[in-house]
């Protein structure tokens, strides 16, 4: 399969191209960018370079398009890529609203193509181990997630509404993915509190959310662009717990560690390094080869619905008792 990347973003340069180089099913990688020149040093599995997205979709022989553009541009280019007859992978959030995600999946289904959101953190093998842990030590009772990063440079697209910026759009896919994976479905009784606004651009800088998971557990999550770096997940089950660091953005060479407690006995469990982007691309290309698109469509729609529930809860926060 041939891959075309729309947008020569930081994540495309650092992770997607390298992951494609490791994916056996991908034979060629082409790049389209309006804002950056063609790399002088080339790239693995080098195909063509395009300075225009429309031209790239018309002339590229790619089977798959990976959209890696600012969030506000996702819907237009996802739909354009599907209309050109290509399968589509897209950075999270797939699109900025639930309705847009529904339109995208509808077009993908009508055209017999796949549309998948690259929320890749759960493609690490330790998530399979986590399911096994919960099967033995469960049921799950509590999930506590923290993903907090220091303030981004003012020019970063995440700080600008017109580009689809803000913490809710950028980080709610992590909350939604966790609730689906660990909760077994959509959450209920969602409440949320907003953080502050960017002093110059006004975008939202953070949010906290609590929810009842579909399996009865409680989810609590804190996501922000305005604090000391935190990136961890605590899973509590009836007879054991697991604390995991770097869970949402593990580098490809990072050896994930669990601090596991079972009946007050602590054990450190270490996992071999794994490239979550490469594992996602491998899963997506296998699904395309098998014409098995629906699992990834369902995940995208479920996460879009969950993100909409968080947004609705932020718009109607709980009453504060004075």
C-alpha atoms as a PDB file:
ATOM      1  CA  UNK A   1       0.000   0.000   0.000  1.00  0.00           C
ATOM      2  CA  UNK A   2       1.120   3.553  -0.720  1.00  0.00           C
ATOM      3  CA  UNK A   3       0.716   6.293   1.877  1.00  0.00           C
ATOM      4  CA  UNK A   4       0.246  10.029   1.314  1.00  0.00           C
ATOM      5  CA  UNK A   5       0.697  12.362   4.296  1.00  0.00           C
ATOM      6  CA  UNK A   6      -1.192  15.654   4.071  1.00  0.00           C
ATOM      7  CA  UNK A   7       0.721  18.089   6.262  1.00  0.00           C
ATOM      8  CA  UNK A   8       4.381  17.910   7.204  1.00  0.00           C
ATOM      9  CA  UNK A   9       3.650  18.485  10.876  1.00  0.00           C
ATOM     10  CA  UNK A  10       5.920  17.825  13.833  1.00  0.00           C
ATOM     11  CA  UNK A  11       4.109  14.581  14.653  1.00  0.00           C
ATOM     12  CA  UNK A  12       4.338  13.474  11.016  1.00  0.00           C
ATOM     13  CA  UNK A  13       8.076  14.127  10.978  1.00  0.00           C
ATOM     14  CA  UNK A  14       8.846  12.612  14.386  1.00  0.00           C
ATOM     15  CA  UNK A  15       6.493   9.642  14.496  1.00  0.00           C
ATOM     16  CA  UNK A  16       4.325   8.939  11.435  1.00  0.00           C
ATOM     17  CA  UNK A  17       7.053   8.728   8.780  1.00  0.00           C
ATOM     18  CA  UNK A  18       9.263   6.608  11.035  1.00  0.00           C
ATOM     19  CA  UNK A  19       6.335   4.340  11.835  1.00  0.00           C
ATOM     20  CA  UNK A  20       5.492   3.964   8.137  1.00  0.00           C
ATOM     21  CA  UNK A  21       9.097   2.908   7.527  1.00  0.00           C
ATOM     22  CA  UNK A  22       8.516  -0.003   9.923  1.00  0.00           C
ATOM     23  CA  UNK A  23       5.134  -1.032   8.502  1.00  0.00           C
ATOM     24  CA  UNK A  24       5.600  -3.891   6.075  1.00  0.00           C
ATOM     25  CA  UNK A  25       2.340  -3.237   4.231  1.00  0.00           C
ATOM     26  CA  UNK A  26       3.381   0.334   3.324  1.00  0.00           C
ATOM     27  CA  UNK A  27       5.645   0.378   0.282  1.00  0.00           C
ATOM     28  CA  UNK A  28       5.842   4.118  -0.439  1.00  0.00           C
ATOM     29  CA  UNK A  29       5.436   7.363   1.507  1.00  0.00           C
ATOM     30  CA  UNK A  30       4.554  10.639  -0.228  1.00  0.00           C
ATOM     31  CA  UNK A  31       4.226  14.021   1.475  1.00  0.00           C
ATOM     32  CA  UNK A  32       2.133  17.100   0.725  1.00  0.00           C
ATOM     33  CA  UNK A  33       2.897  20.408   2.436  1.00  0.00           C
ATOM     34  CA  UNK A  34       1.973  23.996   1.673  1.00  0.00           C
ATOM     35  CA  UNK A  35       4.098  25.571   4.385  1.00  0.00           C
ATOM     36  CA  UNK A  36       7.330  23.556   4.239  1.00  0.00           C
ATOM     37  CA  UNK A  37       9.781  22.838   1.451  1.00  0.00           C
ATOM     38  CA  UNK A  38      10.651  19.340   0.328  1.00  0.00           C
ATOM     39  CA  UNK A  39      13.175  17.832   2.752  1.00  0.00           C
ATOM     40  CA  UNK A  40      16.667  17.876   1.256  1.00  0.00           C
ATOM     41  CA  UNK A  41      17.671  14.646   2.962  1.00  0.00           C
ATOM     42  CA  UNK A  42      14.633  12.704   1.792  1.00  0.00           C
ATOM     43  CA  UNK A  43      12.705  10.246   3.940  1.00  0.00           C
ATOM     44  CA  UNK A  44      12.207   6.457   4.203  1.00  0.00           C
ATOM     45  CA  UNK A  45      10.283   4.763   1.378  1.00  0.00           C
ATOM     46  CA  UNK A  46      10.388   8.073  -0.447  1.00  0.00           C
ATOM     47  CA  UNK A  47       7.625   8.729  -2.923  1.00  0.00           C
ATOM     48  CA  UNK A  48       6.575  12.134  -4.234  1.00  0.00           C
ATOM     49  CA  UNK A  49       6.469  15.591  -2.683  1.00  0.00           C
ATOM     50  CA  UNK A  50       3.532  17.901  -3.419  1.00  0.00           C
ATOM     51  CA  UNK A  51       3.220  21.590  -2.584  1.00  0.00           C
ATOM     52  CA  UNK A  52      -0.569  21.505  -2.926  1.00  0.00           C
ATOM     53  CA  UNK A  53      -3.098  19.239  -1.197  1.00  0.00           C
ATOM     54  CA  UNK A  54      -5.662  19.165  -4.013  1.00  0.00           C
ATOM     55  CA  UNK A  55      -2.931  18.302  -6.498  1.00  0.00           C
ATOM     56  CA  UNK A  56      -1.658  15.571  -4.213  1.00  0.00           C
ATOM     57  CA  UNK A  57      -5.093  13.956  -3.968  1.00  0.00           C
ATOM     58  CA  UNK A  58      -5.564  14.141  -7.747  1.00  0.00           C
ATOM     59  CA  UNK A  59      -2.151  12.911  -8.820  1.00  0.00           C
ATOM     60  CA  UNK A  60      -1.001  10.624  -6.025  1.00  0.00           C
ATOM     61  CA  UNK A  61      -1.448   6.882  -6.492  1.00  0.00           C
ATOM     62  CA  UNK A  62      -1.701   6.465  -2.726  1.00  0.00           C
ATOM     63  CA  UNK A  63      -4.104   3.954  -1.221  1.00  0.00           C
ATOM     64  CA  UNK A  64      -4.141   5.685   2.186  1.00  0.00           C
ATOM     65  CA  UNK A  65      -4.073   9.340   3.187  1.00  0.00           C
ATOM     66  CA  UNK A  66      -2.842  10.359   6.630  1.00  0.00           C
ATOM     67  CA  UNK A  67      -4.205  13.814   7.524  1.00  0.00           C
ATOM     68  CA  UNK A  68      -1.835  15.677   9.855  1.00  0.00           C
ATOM     69  CA  UNK A  69      -3.082  19.261   9.696  1.00  0.00           C
ATOM     70  CA  UNK A  70      -4.452  21.738  12.264  1.00  0.00           C
ATOM     71  CA  UNK A  71      -7.693  20.443  13.778  1.00  0.00           C
ATOM     72  CA  UNK A  72      -9.970  22.926  12.027  1.00  0.00           C
ATOM     73  CA  UNK A  73      -8.783  21.621   8.638  1.00  0.00           C
ATOM     74  CA  UNK A  74      -9.459  17.953   9.325  1.00  0.00           C
ATOM     75  CA  UNK A  75     -13.058  17.728   8.151  1.00  0.00           C
ATOM     76  CA  UNK A  76     -12.460  19.337   4.757  1.00  0.00           C
ATOM     77  CA  UNK A  77      -9.431  17.228   3.890  1.00  0.00           C
ATOM     78  CA  UNK A  78     -10.804  13.995   5.340  1.00  0.00           C
ATOM     79  CA  UNK A  79     -13.892  14.320   3.156  1.00  0.00           C
ATOM     80  CA  UNK A  80     -11.797  15.334   0.145  1.00  0.00           C
ATOM     81  CA  UNK A  81      -9.509  12.331   0.584  1.00  0.00           C
ATOM     82  CA  UNK A  82     -12.468   9.962   0.911  1.00  0.00           C
ATOM     83  CA  UNK A  83     -14.041  11.512  -2.188  1.00  0.00           C
ATOM     84  CA  UNK A  84     -10.821  10.788  -4.074  1.00  0.00           C
ATOM     85  CA  UNK A  85     -11.280   7.086  -3.303  1.00  0.00           C
ATOM     86  CA  UNK A  86      -8.627   6.734  -0.621  1.00  0.00           C
ATOM     87  CA  UNK A  87      -8.715   5.268   2.866  1.00  0.00           C
ATOM     88  CA  UNK A  88      -8.088   7.917   5.531  1.00  0.00           C
ATOM     89  CA  UNK A  89      -6.220   8.032   8.822  1.00  0.00           C
ATOM     90  CA  UNK A  90      -6.345  11.303  10.739  1.00  0.00           C
ATOM     91  CA  UNK A  91      -4.632  12.797  13.763  1.00  0.00           C
ATOM     92  CA  UNK A  92      -6.783  13.168  16.858  1.00  0.00           C
ATOM     93  CA  UNK A  93      -9.266  14.714  17.163  1.00  0.00           C
ATOM     94  CA  UNK A  94     -10.572  13.218  13.934  1.00  0.00           C
ATOM     95  CA  UNK A  95     -12.875  16.222  13.506  1.00  0.00           C
ATOM     96  CA  UNK A  96     -13.939  19.001  15.808  1.00  0.00           C
ATOM     97  CA  UNK A  97     -17.578  17.946  16.356  1.00  0.00           C
ATOM     98  CA  UNK A  98     -19.557  14.739  16.722  1.00  0.00           C
ATOM     99  CA  UNK A  99     -21.671  15.694  13.714  1.00  0.00           C
ATOM    100  CA  UNK A 100     -18.595  16.118  11.520  1.00  0.00           C
ATOM    101  CA  UNK A 101     -17.318  12.703  12.609  1.00  0.00           C
ATOM    102  CA  UNK A 102     -20.688  11.195  11.722  1.00  0.00           C
ATOM    103  CA  UNK A 103     -20.523  12.792   8.269  1.00  0.00           C
ATOM    104  CA  UNK A 104     -17.020  11.435   7.758  1.00  0.00           C
ATOM    105  CA  UNK A 105     -17.904   7.870   8.739  1.00  0.00           C
ATOM    106  CA  UNK A 106     -21.070   8.002   6.629  1.00  0.00           C
ATOM    107  CA  UNK A 107     -19.031   8.967   3.558  1.00  0.00           C
ATOM    108  CA  UNK A 108     -16.411   6.322   4.336  1.00  0.00           C
ATOM    109  CA  UNK A 109     -19.097   3.636   4.542  1.00  0.00           C
ATOM    110  CA  UNK A 110     -20.787   4.773   1.344  1.00  0.00           C
ATOM    111  CA  UNK A 111     -17.485   4.712  -0.533  1.00  0.00           C
ATOM    112  CA  UNK A 112     -16.317   1.404   0.946  1.00  0.00           C
ATOM    113  CA  UNK A 113     -13.295   3.061   2.526  1.00  0.00           C
ATOM    114  CA  UNK A 114     -11.939   3.213   6.062  1.00  0.00           C
ATOM    115  CA  UNK A 115     -11.744   6.296   8.263  1.00  0.00           C
ATOM    116  CA  UNK A 116      -9.705   5.871  11.456  1.00  0.00           C
ATOM    117  CA  UNK A 117      -8.608   8.272  14.178  1.00  0.00           C
ATOM    118  CA  UNK A 118      -4.954   8.028  15.207  1.00  0.00           C
ATOM    119  CA  UNK A 119      -5.427   8.106  18.969  1.00  0.00           C
ATOM    120  CA  UNK A 120      -2.611   5.602  19.310  1.00  0.00           C
ATOM    121  CA  UNK A 121      -1.663   5.414  22.993  1.00  0.00           C
ATOM    122  CA  UNK A 122      -3.746   2.272  23.594  1.00  0.00           C
ATOM    123  CA  UNK A 123      -1.904   0.347  20.859  1.00  0.00           C
ATOM    124  CA  UNK A 124       0.933  -0.264  23.311  1.00  0.00           C
ATOM    125  CA  UNK A 125       1.066  -3.979  24.315  1.00  0.00           C
ATOM    126  CA  UNK A 126       0.777  -3.119  27.996  1.00  0.00           C
ATOM    127  CA  UNK A 127      -2.926  -2.366  27.467  1.00  0.00           C
ATOM    128  CA  UNK A 128      -3.496  -6.029  26.644  1.00  0.00           C
ATOM    129  CA  UNK A 129      -1.663  -6.891  29.866  1.00  0.00           C
ATOM    130  CA  UNK A 130      -3.865  -4.389  31.692  1.00  0.00           C
ATOM    131  CA  UNK A 131      -7.002  -6.155  30.471  1.00  0.00           C
ATOM    132  CA  UNK A 132      -5.539  -9.400  31.785  1.00  0.00           C
ATOM    133  CA  UNK A 133      -4.737  -7.779  35.142  1.00  0.00           C
ATOM    134  CA  UNK A 134      -8.312  -6.539  35.506  1.00  0.00           C
ATOM    135  CA  UNK A 135      -9.729  -9.948  34.571  1.00  0.00           C
ATOM    136  CA  UNK A 136      -7.845 -11.443  37.534  1.00  0.00           C
ATOM    137  CA  UNK A 137      -7.877  -8.601  40.076  1.00  0.00           C
ATOM    138  CA  UNK A 138     -11.110  -6.874  39.077  1.00  0.00           C
ATOM    139  CA  UNK A 139     -13.649  -5.630  38.749  1.00  0.00           C
ATOM    140  CA  UNK A 140     -12.401  -2.149  37.960  1.00  0.00           C
ATOM    141  CA  UNK A 141     -13.422   0.439  40.562  1.00  0.00           C
ATOM    142  CA  UNK A 142     -11.518   3.650  39.756  1.00  0.00           C
ATOM    143  CA  UNK A 143      -9.517   5.220  36.920  1.00  0.00           C
ATOM    144  CA  UNK A 144      -7.534   8.398  37.538  1.00  0.00           C
ATOM    145  CA  UNK A 145      -5.764  10.051  34.587  1.00  0.00           C
ATOM    146  CA  UNK A 146      -3.500  13.088  34.455  1.00  0.00           C
ATOM    147  CA  UNK A 147      -2.050  14.616  31.299  1.00  0.00           C
ATOM    148  CA  UNK A 148      -0.746  18.100  31.991  1.00  0.00           C
ATOM    149  CA  UNK A 149       1.843  19.981  29.950  1.00  0.00           C
ATOM    150  CA  UNK A 150       3.487  23.386  30.425  1.00  0.00           C
ATOM    151  CA  UNK A 151       2.081  26.338  28.441  1.00  0.00           C
ATOM    152  CA  UNK A 152       2.753  26.119  24.721  1.00  0.00           C
ATOM    153  CA  UNK A 153       4.321  28.952  22.699  1.00  0.00           C
ATOM    154  CA  UNK A 154       1.695  31.535  21.787  1.00  0.00           C
ATOM    155  CA  UNK A 155       2.124  30.793  18.063  1.00  0.00           C
ATOM    156  CA  UNK A 156       1.311  27.080  18.469  1.00  0.00           C
ATOM    157  CA  UNK A 157      -1.911  26.243  16.599  1.00  0.00           C
ATOM    158  CA  UNK A 158      -3.362  24.701  19.783  1.00  0.00           C
ATOM    159  CA  UNK A 159      -3.578  28.229  21.204  1.00  0.00           C
ATOM    160  CA  UNK A 160      -5.801  29.534  18.410  1.00  0.00           C
ATOM    161  CA  UNK A 161      -9.548  28.971  18.012  1.00  0.00           C
ATOM    162  CA  UNK A 162      -9.438  29.471  14.237  1.00  0.00           C
ATOM    163  CA  UNK A 163      -7.151  26.434  13.939  1.00  0.00           C
ATOM    164  CA  UNK A 164      -9.262  24.251  16.204  1.00  0.00           C
ATOM    165  CA  UNK A 165      -7.097  24.843  19.237  1.00  0.00           C
ATOM    166  CA  UNK A 166      -7.778  24.436  22.920  1.00  0.00           C
ATOM    167  CA  UNK A 167      -7.185  21.719  25.480  1.00  0.00           C
ATOM    168  CA  UNK A 168     -10.631  20.140  25.111  1.00  0.00           C
ATOM    169  CA  UNK A 169     -10.147  19.303  21.434  1.00  0.00           C
ATOM    170  CA  UNK A 170      -6.508  18.327  21.860  1.00  0.00           C
ATOM    171  CA  UNK A 171      -6.745  16.172  24.990  1.00  0.00           C
ATOM    172  CA  UNK A 172     -10.344  14.934  25.279  1.00  0.00           C
ATOM    173  CA  UNK A 173      -9.531  12.080  22.848  1.00  0.00           C
ATOM    174  CA  UNK A 174      -7.341  10.604  25.605  1.00  0.00           C
ATOM    175  CA  UNK A 175     -10.187  10.781  28.111  1.00  0.00           C
ATOM    176  CA  UNK A 176     -12.669   9.356  25.608  1.00  0.00           C
ATOM    177  CA  UNK A 177     -10.336   6.547  24.563  1.00  0.00           C
ATOM    178  CA  UNK A 178      -9.713   5.525  28.167  1.00  0.00           C
ATOM    179  CA  UNK A 179     -13.405   5.486  29.014  1.00  0.00           C
ATOM    180  CA  UNK A 180     -14.153   3.303  25.995  1.00  0.00           C
ATOM    181  CA  UNK A 181     -11.239   0.895  26.506  1.00  0.00           C
ATOM    182  CA  UNK A 182     -11.440   0.497  30.268  1.00  0.00           C
ATOM    183  CA  UNK A 183     -15.157   1.139  30.728  1.00  0.00           C
ATOM    184  CA  UNK A 184     -16.441  -1.057  27.944  1.00  0.00           C
ATOM    185  CA  UNK A 185     -18.650   1.595  26.387  1.00  0.00           C
ATOM    186  CA  UNK A 186     -19.912   5.147  26.708  1.00  0.00           C
ATOM    187  CA  UNK A 187     -19.888   6.768  30.145  1.00  0.00           C
ATOM    188  CA  UNK A 188     -22.891   8.163  31.992  1.00  0.00           C
ATOM    189  CA  UNK A 189     -23.302  10.914  34.615  1.00  0.00           C
ATOM    190  CA  UNK A 190     -20.533  13.049  33.136  1.00  0.00           C
ATOM    191  CA  UNK A 191     -19.556  16.180  35.047  1.00  0.00           C
ATOM    192  CA  UNK A 192     -16.752  18.570  34.176  1.00  0.00           C
ATOM    193  CA  UNK A 193     -15.029  21.770  35.215  1.00  0.00           C
ATOM    194  CA  UNK A 194     -13.110  24.077  32.900  1.00  0.00           C
ATOM    195  CA  UNK A 195      -9.655  25.443  33.562  1.00  0.00           C
ATOM    196  CA  UNK A 196      -8.540  28.950  32.669  1.00  0.00           C
ATOM    197  CA  UNK A 197      -8.418  30.700  29.294  1.00  0.00           C
ATOM    198  CA  UNK A 198      -5.278  31.694  27.410  1.00  0.00           C
ATOM    199  CA  UNK A 199      -4.501  35.297  28.366  1.00  0.00           C
ATOM    200  CA  UNK A 200      -3.908  36.358  24.747  1.00  0.00           C
ATOM    201  CA  UNK A 201      -5.990  34.089  22.497  1.00  0.00           C
ATOM    202  CA  UNK A 202      -8.791  33.015  24.842  1.00  0.00           C
ATOM    203  CA  UNK A 203      -8.709  29.303  24.061  1.00  0.00           C
ATOM    204  CA  UNK A 204      -9.495  26.849  26.853  1.00  0.00           C
ATOM    205  CA  UNK A 205      -6.375  25.748  28.720  1.00  0.00           C
ATOM    206  CA  UNK A 206      -7.672  22.764  30.645  1.00  0.00           C
ATOM    207  CA  UNK A 207     -10.541  20.690  31.966  1.00  0.00           C
ATOM    208  CA  UNK A 208     -11.299  18.092  34.605  1.00  0.00           C
ATOM    209  CA  UNK A 209     -13.923  15.395  34.122  1.00  0.00           C
ATOM    210  CA  UNK A 210     -15.604  12.737  36.220  1.00  0.00           C
ATOM    211  CA  UNK A 211     -17.893  10.040  34.895  1.00  0.00           C
ATOM    212  CA  UNK A 212     -19.554   6.756  35.703  1.00  0.00           C
ATOM    213  CA  UNK A 213     -18.102   4.183  33.309  1.00  0.00           C
ATOM    214  CA  UNK A 214     -20.300   1.738  31.437  1.00  0.00           C
ATOM    215  CA  UNK A 215     -18.993  -1.104  33.624  1.00  0.00           C
ATOM    216  CA  UNK A 216     -19.731   0.783  36.853  1.00  0.00           C
ATOM    217  CA  UNK A 217     -16.262   2.140  37.604  1.00  0.00           C
ATOM    218  CA  UNK A 218     -15.519   5.803  38.297  1.00  0.00           C
ATOM    219  CA  UNK A 219     -13.348   7.844  35.927  1.00  0.00           C
ATOM    220  CA  UNK A 220     -11.540  11.002  36.993  1.00  0.00           C
ATOM    221  CA  UNK A 221      -9.322  12.899  34.592  1.00  0.00           C
ATOM    222  CA  UNK A 222      -7.338  16.129  34.639  1.00  0.00           C
ATOM    223  CA  UNK A 223      -6.007  17.552  31.371  1.00  0.00           C
ATOM    224  CA  UNK A 224      -4.249  20.886  30.954  1.00  0.00           C
ATOM    225  CA  UNK A 225      -1.854  23.120  29.026  1.00  0.00           C
ATOM    226  CA  UNK A 226      -0.899  25.107  32.121  1.00  0.00           C
ATOM    227  CA  UNK A 227       1.152  23.159  34.644  1.00  0.00           C
ATOM    228  CA  UNK A 228       4.185  21.047  35.471  1.00  0.00           C
ATOM    229  CA  UNK A 229       4.402  18.018  33.182  1.00  0.00           C
ATOM    230  CA  UNK A 230       2.277  15.076  34.359  1.00  0.00           C
ATOM    231  CA  UNK A 231       1.507  11.992  32.287  1.00  0.00           C
ATOM    232  CA  UNK A 232       0.178   9.105  34.324  1.00  0.00           C
ATOM    233  CA  UNK A 233      -2.645   6.671  34.804  1.00  0.00           C
ATOM    234  CA  UNK A 234      -3.826   4.959  37.992  1.00  0.00           C
ATOM    235  CA  UNK A 235      -6.023   1.883  37.672  1.00  0.00           C
ATOM    236  CA  UNK A 236      -7.680   0.577  40.852  1.00  0.00           C
ATOM    237  CA  UNK A 237      -9.436  -2.781  40.939  1.00  0.00           C
ATOM    238  CA  UNK A 238     -11.000  -4.707  43.796  1.00  0.00           C
ATOM    239  CA  UNK A 239      -7.788  -6.499  44.798  1.00  0.00           C
ATOM    240  CA  UNK A 240      -5.003  -4.638  42.990  1.00  0.00           C
ATOM    241  CA  UNK A 241      -3.863  -1.413  41.379  1.00  0.00           C
ATOM    242  CA  UNK A 242      -1.450  -0.249  38.679  1.00  0.00           C
ATOM    243  CA  UNK A 243       0.293   3.122  38.344  1.00  0.00           C
ATOM    244  CA  UNK A 244       1.720   3.861  34.885  1.00  0.00           C
ATOM    245  CA  UNK A 245       3.895   6.824  33.839  1.00  0.00           C
ATOM    246  CA  UNK A 246       4.244   8.223  30.272  1.00  0.00           C
ATOM    247  CA  UNK A 247       1.095   6.343  29.313  1.00  0.00           C
ATOM    248  CA  UNK A 248      -0.310   8.831  26.789  1.00  0.00           C
ATOM    249  CA  UNK A 249       2.804   9.629  24.750  1.00  0.00           C
ATOM    250  CA  UNK A 250       5.477   6.974  25.195  1.00  0.00           C
ATOM    251  CA  UNK A 251       8.524   7.482  22.956  1.00  0.00           C
ATOM    252  CA  UNK A 252       9.164   4.598  20.581  1.00  0.00           C
ATOM    253  CA  UNK A 253      12.214   3.522  22.601  1.00  0.00           C
ATOM    254  CA  UNK A 254      10.559   3.882  26.029  1.00  0.00           C
ATOM    255  CA  UNK A 255      10.270   0.799  28.241  1.00  0.00           C
ATOM    256  CA  UNK A 256       6.924   1.189  29.989  1.00  0.00           C
ATOM    257  CA  UNK A 257       6.860   0.419  33.706  1.00  0.00           C
ATOM    258  CA  UNK A 258       3.990  -0.492  35.986  1.00  0.00           C
ATOM    259  CA  UNK A 259       4.077   0.009  39.745  1.00  0.00           C
ATOM    260  CA  UNK A 260       1.713  -2.819  40.529  1.00  0.00           C
ATOM    261  CA  UNK A 261       0.141  -3.439  43.940  1.00  0.00           C
ATOM    262  CA  UNK A 262      -1.717  -6.658  44.711  1.00  0.00           C
ATOM    263  CA  UNK A 263      -2.909  -7.074  48.273  1.00  0.00           C
ATOM    264  CA  UNK A 264      -0.353  -4.509  49.488  1.00  0.00           C
ATOM    265  CA  UNK A 265       2.605  -6.172  47.731  1.00  0.00           C
ATOM    266  CA  UNK A 266       4.374  -3.896  45.240  1.00  0.00           C
ATOM    267  CA  UNK A 267       5.947  -5.218  42.047  1.00  0.00           C
ATOM    268  CA  UNK A 268       7.583  -3.302  39.199  1.00  0.00           C
ATOM    269  CA  UNK A 269       6.622  -4.733  35.814  1.00  0.00           C
ATOM    270  CA  UNK A 270       8.641  -3.597  32.780  1.00  0.00           C
ATOM    271  CA  UNK A 271       7.520  -3.898  29.168  1.00  0.00           C
ATOM    272  CA  UNK A 272       9.667  -3.904  26.049  1.00  0.00           C
ATOM    273  CA  UNK A 273       9.684  -0.685  24.032  1.00  0.00           C
ATOM    274  CA  UNK A 274       6.961  -0.432  21.404  1.00  0.00           C
ATOM    275  CA  UNK A 275       6.193   2.165  18.739  1.00  0.00           C
ATOM    276  CA  UNK A 276       2.484   2.881  19.157  1.00  0.00           C
ATOM    277  CA  UNK A 277       2.276   4.706  15.821  1.00  0.00           C
ATOM    278  CA  UNK A 278       3.785   1.732  14.000  1.00  0.00           C
ATOM    279  CA  UNK A 279       1.386  -0.634  15.760  1.00  0.00           C
ATOM    280  CA  UNK A 280      -1.542   1.607  14.795  1.00  0.00           C
ATOM    281  CA  UNK A 281      -0.449   1.733  11.157  1.00  0.00           C
ATOM    282  CA  UNK A 282      -0.016  -2.033  11.142  1.00  0.00           C
ATOM    283  CA  UNK A 283      -3.517  -2.532  12.565  1.00  0.00           C
ATOM    284  CA  UNK A 284      -5.023  -0.064  10.083  1.00  0.00           C
ATOM    285  CA  UNK A 285      -3.357  -1.627   7.037  1.00  0.00           C
ATOM    286  CA  UNK A 286      -4.437  -5.096   8.162  1.00  0.00           C
ATOM    287  CA  UNK A 287      -8.023  -3.865   8.559  1.00  0.00           C
ATOM    288  CA  UNK A 288      -7.919  -2.344   5.070  1.00  0.00           C
ATOM    289  CA  UNK A 289      -6.513  -5.556   3.577  1.00  0.00           C
ATOM    290  CA  UNK A 290      -9.264  -7.574   5.268  1.00  0.00           C
ATOM    291  CA  UNK A 291     -11.980  -5.061   4.309  1.00  0.00           C
ATOM    292  CA  UNK A 292     -12.806  -4.868   8.029  1.00  0.00           C
ATOM    293  CA  UNK A 293     -13.401  -1.164   8.586  1.00  0.00           C
ATOM    294  CA  UNK A 294     -16.242  -1.143  11.091  1.00  0.00           C
ATOM    295  CA  UNK A 295     -14.322  -1.665  14.371  1.00  0.00           C
ATOM    296  CA  UNK A 296     -12.283   1.474  13.718  1.00  0.00           C
ATOM    297  CA  UNK A 297     -15.384   3.354  12.558  1.00  0.00           C
ATOM    298  CA  UNK A 298     -17.182   2.415  15.775  1.00  0.00           C
ATOM    299  CA  UNK A 299     -14.242   3.529  17.915  1.00  0.00           C
ATOM    300  CA  UNK A 300     -14.103   6.896  16.155  1.00  0.00           C
ATOM    301  CA  UNK A 301     -17.842   7.477  16.594  1.00  0.00           C
ATOM    302  CA  UNK A 302     -17.862   6.338  20.226  1.00  0.00           C
ATOM    303  CA  UNK A 303     -15.011   8.684  21.093  1.00  0.00           C
ATOM    304  CA  UNK A 304     -16.692  11.560  19.254  1.00  0.00           C
ATOM    305  CA  UNK A 305     -19.862  10.965  21.283  1.00  0.00           C
ATOM    306  CA  UNK A 306     -17.883  10.837  24.527  1.00  0.00           C
ATOM    307  CA  UNK A 307     -16.085  14.087  23.662  1.00  0.00           C
ATOM    308  CA  UNK A 308     -19.484  15.676  22.979  1.00  0.00           C
ATOM    309  CA  UNK A 309     -20.701  14.577  26.416  1.00  0.00           C
ATOM    310  CA  UNK A 310     -17.646  16.141  28.057  1.00  0.00           C
ATOM    311  CA  UNK A 311     -18.214  19.370  26.102  1.00  0.00           C
ATOM    312  CA  UNK A 312     -21.874  19.414  27.162  1.00  0.00           C
ATOM    313  CA  UNK A 313     -20.874  18.912  30.793  1.00  0.00           C
ATOM    314  CA  UNK A 314     -18.414  21.805  30.541  1.00  0.00           C
ATOM    315  CA  UNK A 315     -21.199  23.986  29.154  1.00  0.00           C
ATOM    316  CA  UNK A 316     -23.423  23.051  32.128  1.00  0.00           C
ATOM    317  CA  UNK A 317     -21.067  22.790  35.123  1.00  0.00           C
ATOM    318  CA  UNK A 318     -22.292  21.611  38.539  1.00  0.00           C
ATOM    319  CA  UNK A 319     -23.617  24.247  40.903  1.00  0.00           C
ATOM    320  CA  UNK A 320     -21.079  25.399  43.476  1.00  0.00           C
ATOM    321  CA  UNK A 321     -22.251  25.390  47.076  1.00  0.00           C
ATOM    322  CA  UNK A 322     -21.193  28.504  48.982  1.00  0.00           C
END
